[in-house]
Amino acid sequence: MAKKDEHRDPTAPQEGDQITPQEKANDFMDRSAPGRPRATKRDRSWERRQRQVSYRGIPVELQERLKEIAQQHQVTVGDIARAFLEYGIDAYDAGNLALEARQVTAKRTLYPDD
């Protein structure tokens, strides 16, 4: 004769029981309910100290130049990038910056030689 598990939830489905989708959803909601103790959160201090920056499509030489300018002005690279973006958009809107896209294979780009 099989030994009965004394710690088993008597309301839990038994082997062979049919479980409806609603019962599955209710079980999930019970397990993820607010107030239920959660696992310890990961320590994210390293990620906060190591700010990730993405320069997709920006040549390394320009990235380095942005960093140099930021250091000269003692501000973040993001501030310098924003200043150049705002200046460039103003120049474009004023007609002082012309952009000409060219067809390269199956896409269009402003930088066909990259």
Protein backbone atom coordinates (compact mmCIF):
# COMPACT_ATOMS: atom_id res chain seq x y z
CA MET A 1 0.00 0.00 0.00
CA ALA A 2 1.36 3.44 -0.94
CA LYS A 3 2.20 5.81 1.89
CA LYS A 4 0.04 8.95 1.97
CA ASP A 5 1.98 12.23 1.67
CA GLU A 6 1.12 14.08 4.87
CA HIS A 7 2.30 17.44 3.52
CA ARG A 8 0.31 17.33 0.31
CA ASP A 9 -2.43 19.90 -0.25
CA PRO A 10 -5.70 17.93 0.03
CA THR A 11 -7.39 20.36 -2.39
CA ALA A 12 -4.71 19.85 -5.07
CA PRO A 13 -5.76 17.76 -8.06
CA GLN A 14 -5.12 14.04 -7.73
CA GLU A 15 -3.43 12.02 -10.43
CA GLY A 16 -6.00 11.33 -13.13
CA ASP A 17 -8.22 14.32 -12.20
CA GLN A 18 -9.40 16.53 -15.04
CA ILE A 19 -8.21 20.14 -14.62
CA THR A 20 -10.17 22.82 -16.42
CA PRO A 21 -8.45 25.84 -17.98
CA GLN A 22 -10.17 28.02 -15.37
CA GLU A 23 -8.69 25.91 -12.56
CA LYS A 24 -5.25 26.23 -14.14
CA ALA A 25 -5.66 30.01 -14.32
CA ASN A 26 -6.87 30.18 -10.73
CA ASP A 27 -3.90 28.08 -9.58
CA PHE A 28 -1.51 30.40 -11.42
CA MET A 29 -3.13 33.48 -9.90
CA ASP A 30 -2.95 31.96 -6.42
CA ARG A 31 0.77 31.29 -6.82
CA SER A 32 1.53 34.77 -8.18
CA ALA A 33 -0.83 36.69 -5.91
CA PRO A 34 0.30 39.99 -4.36
CA GLY A 35 1.54 39.59 -0.83
CA ARG A 36 3.12 36.24 -1.59
CA PRO A 37 6.81 36.32 -0.63
CA ARG A 38 8.95 36.74 -3.71
CA ALA A 39 12.38 35.38 -4.40
CA THR A 40 15.27 37.67 -3.52
CA LYS A 41 15.83 40.31 -6.18
CA ARG A 42 19.10 40.26 -8.10
CA ASP A 43 21.75 42.75 -7.13
CA ARG A 44 21.78 45.22 -10.04
CA SER A 45 24.45 47.56 -8.65
CA TRP A 46 27.03 46.44 -11.23
CA GLU A 47 24.65 47.25 -14.09
CA ARG A 48 23.98 50.70 -12.62
CA ARG A 49 27.72 51.41 -12.37
CA GLN A 50 28.45 50.06 -15.88
CA ARG A 51 26.10 52.21 -17.94
CA GLN A 52 25.57 50.52 -21.27
CA VAL A 53 25.73 52.78 -24.30
CA SER A 54 24.72 51.81 -27.79
CA TYR A 55 26.10 53.59 -30.85
CA ARG A 56 24.52 51.59 -33.62
CA GLY A 57 25.95 52.64 -36.96
CA ILE A 58 28.22 55.32 -35.47
CA PRO A 59 31.91 54.87 -36.41
CA VAL A 60 34.32 54.39 -33.49
CA GLU A 61 36.16 57.63 -34.38
CA LEU A 62 32.96 59.65 -33.86
CA GLN A 63 32.21 57.83 -30.62
CA GLU A 64 35.66 58.69 -29.31
CA ARG A 65 35.29 62.33 -30.40
CA LEU A 66 31.96 62.60 -28.57
CA LYS A 67 33.60 61.21 -25.42
CA GLU A 68 36.46 63.73 -25.69
CA ILE A 69 34.06 66.66 -26.07
CA ALA A 70 31.99 65.41 -23.13
CA GLN A 71 35.11 65.21 -20.95
CA GLN A 72 36.17 68.73 -21.97
CA HIS A 73 32.79 70.09 -20.88
CA GLN A 74 32.45 67.74 -17.89
CA VAL A 75 29.05 66.48 -19.02
CA THR A 76 27.73 63.13 -20.21
CA VAL A 77 28.14 61.84 -23.74
CA GLY A 78 24.35 61.83 -23.93
CA ASP A 79 24.26 65.58 -23.31
CA ILE A 80 26.77 66.17 -26.11
CA ALA A 81 24.90 63.85 -28.48
CA ARG A 82 21.67 65.68 -27.69
CA ALA A 83 23.28 69.08 -28.34
CA PHE A 84 24.55 67.92 -31.74
CA LEU A 85 21.20 66.36 -32.61
CA GLU A 86 19.32 69.54 -31.71
CA TYR A 87 21.82 71.66 -33.65
CA GLY A 88 21.60 69.33 -36.66
CA ILE A 89 17.81 69.30 -36.68
CA ASP A 90 17.72 73.10 -36.43
CA ALA A 91 20.19 73.33 -39.34
CA TYR A 92 18.13 70.87 -41.37
CA ASP A 93 14.89 72.76 -40.65
CA ALA A 94 16.56 76.05 -41.65
CA GLY A 95 17.74 74.51 -44.93
CA ASN A 96 21.42 74.70 -43.95
CA LEU A 97 21.90 70.91 -43.92
CA ALA A 98 21.07 68.89 -47.03
CA LEU A 99 20.67 65.13 -46.76
CA GLU A 100 20.79 62.96 -49.87
CA ALA A 101 19.95 59.27 -49.55
CA ARG A 102 21.40 56.85 -52.08
CA GLN A 103 20.35 53.34 -53.05
CA VAL A 104 22.78 50.70 -51.79
CA THR A 105 21.75 47.11 -52.60
CA ALA A 106 18.24 46.72 -51.19
CA LYS A 107 18.27 49.66 -48.76
CA ARG A 108 18.68 53.41 -48.79
CA THR A 109 21.39 55.14 -46.75
CA LEU A 110 23.04 58.49 -46.21
CA TYR A 111 26.38 56.70 -45.80
CA PRO A 112 26.93 54.44 -48.85
CA ASP A 113 30.69 54.05 -48.23
CA ASP A 114 30.31 52.60 -44.70
